């Protein structure tokens, strides 16, 4: 798998709930990979029950739902919003 996934010992943890057919999900994964930020990819096609978890987090059915270690989340974030949040949390390994 080409996604940058966090190991159990790596912290902080970012989780992305999405599907490969979703352009916004692919874009969010690309931003995280480009910035070398580890994340866990939750594939809603492979794990349909996880869609309920994402909906419980966001209150919406839109994807991706990106959760952050500070307890916040973003739904369908723009590249700029995602980059800003990562910078705010000091999680960017690069400034690509």
Protein backbone atom coordinates (compact mmCIF):
# COMPACT_ATOMS: atom_id res chain seq x y z
CA UNK A 1 0.00 0.00 0.00
CA UNK A 2 1.40 3.39 -0.97
CA UNK A 3 -0.40 5.30 1.77
CA UNK A 4 1.70 6.58 4.62
CA UNK A 5 0.24 4.71 7.55
CA UNK A 6 1.19 5.31 11.13
CA UNK A 7 2.61 2.48 13.17
CA UNK A 8 1.18 1.68 16.58
CA UNK A 9 4.11 3.44 18.24
CA UNK A 10 3.86 6.56 16.09
CA UNK A 11 1.95 9.47 17.52
CA UNK A 12 0.09 11.67 16.95
CA UNK A 13 -2.54 9.76 15.03
CA UNK A 14 -4.54 11.10 12.10
CA UNK A 15 -7.33 9.00 10.69
CA UNK A 16 -8.89 9.51 7.26
CA UNK A 17 -12.28 7.91 6.59
CA UNK A 18 -12.84 7.71 2.86
CA UNK A 19 -13.03 5.70 -0.34
CA UNK A 20 -10.69 5.44 -3.32
CA UNK A 21 -13.51 6.40 -5.71
CA UNK A 22 -13.78 9.79 -3.96
CA UNK A 23 -11.69 12.56 -5.51
CA UNK A 24 -11.63 14.63 -2.30
CA UNK A 25 -10.41 11.56 -0.39
CA UNK A 26 -7.60 10.95 -2.88
CA UNK A 27 -6.66 14.63 -2.65
CA UNK A 28 -6.54 14.57 1.17
CA UNK A 29 -4.35 11.46 1.08
CA UNK A 30 -2.06 13.15 -1.45
CA UNK A 31 -1.63 16.21 0.82
CA UNK A 32 -0.78 14.01 3.82
CA UNK A 33 1.64 11.89 1.79
CA UNK A 34 3.28 14.96 0.20
CA UNK A 35 3.84 16.44 3.66
CA UNK A 36 5.04 13.06 4.99
CA UNK A 37 2.40 13.07 7.73
CA UNK A 38 1.56 9.55 8.97
CA UNK A 39 -2.10 8.65 8.93
CA UNK A 40 -4.45 5.71 9.15
CA UNK A 41 -6.62 5.16 6.07
CA UNK A 42 -10.07 3.76 6.88
CA UNK A 43 -11.50 2.42 3.61
CA UNK A 44 -15.27 2.72 3.75
CA UNK A 45 -15.67 0.27 0.86
CA UNK A 46 -13.68 -2.45 2.65
CA UNK A 47 -15.25 -1.60 6.03
CA UNK A 48 -18.80 -0.28 5.43
CA UNK A 49 -19.50 -0.17 9.19
CA UNK A 50 -16.82 2.51 9.48
CA UNK A 51 -19.16 4.84 7.57
CA UNK A 52 -21.32 4.92 10.71
CA UNK A 53 -18.27 5.89 12.76
CA UNK A 54 -17.41 8.69 10.32
CA UNK A 55 -21.03 9.93 10.37
CA UNK A 56 -21.04 9.85 14.19
CA UNK A 57 -17.87 11.97 14.23
CA UNK A 58 -18.97 14.54 11.67
CA UNK A 59 -22.76 14.45 11.78
CA UNK A 60 -22.67 14.23 7.98
CA UNK A 61 -22.35 11.60 5.27
CA UNK A 62 -19.73 13.56 3.28
CA UNK A 63 -16.22 12.16 2.97
CA UNK A 64 -13.40 12.35 3.65
CA UNK A 65 -13.65 12.79 7.39
CA UNK A 66 -10.19 13.56 8.78
CA UNK A 67 -9.70 13.24 12.53
CA UNK A 68 -6.82 14.83 14.41
CA UNK A 69 -5.07 14.00 17.68
CA UNK A 70 -6.51 17.12 19.36
CA UNK A 71 -10.01 15.67 19.02
CA UNK A 72 -11.07 17.88 16.13
CA UNK A 73 -12.06 16.82 12.63
CA UNK A 74 -12.52 18.22 9.15
CA UNK A 75 -15.01 17.11 6.50
CA UNK A 76 -14.02 17.49 2.85
CA UNK A 77 -11.20 19.87 3.78
CA UNK A 78 -9.56 21.97 1.09
CA UNK A 79 -5.83 21.51 0.65
CA UNK A 80 -5.28 24.84 2.40
CA UNK A 81 -7.51 23.98 5.35
CA UNK A 82 -5.82 20.61 5.81
CA UNK A 83 -2.33 22.10 5.54
CA UNK A 84 -3.25 24.86 8.01
CA UNK A 85 -4.56 22.36 10.56
CA UNK A 86 -1.45 20.20 10.23
CA UNK A 87 0.77 23.25 10.67
CA UNK A 88 -1.29 24.38 13.69
CA UNK A 89 -0.70 20.99 15.28
CA UNK A 90 3.00 21.01 14.33
CA UNK A 91 2.58 17.78 12.37
CA UNK A 92 4.17 18.66 9.07
CA UNK A 93 7.47 16.99 8.36
CA UNK A 94 7.80 19.07 5.20
CA UNK A 95 6.36 22.30 3.89
CA UNK A 96 5.54 21.03 0.37
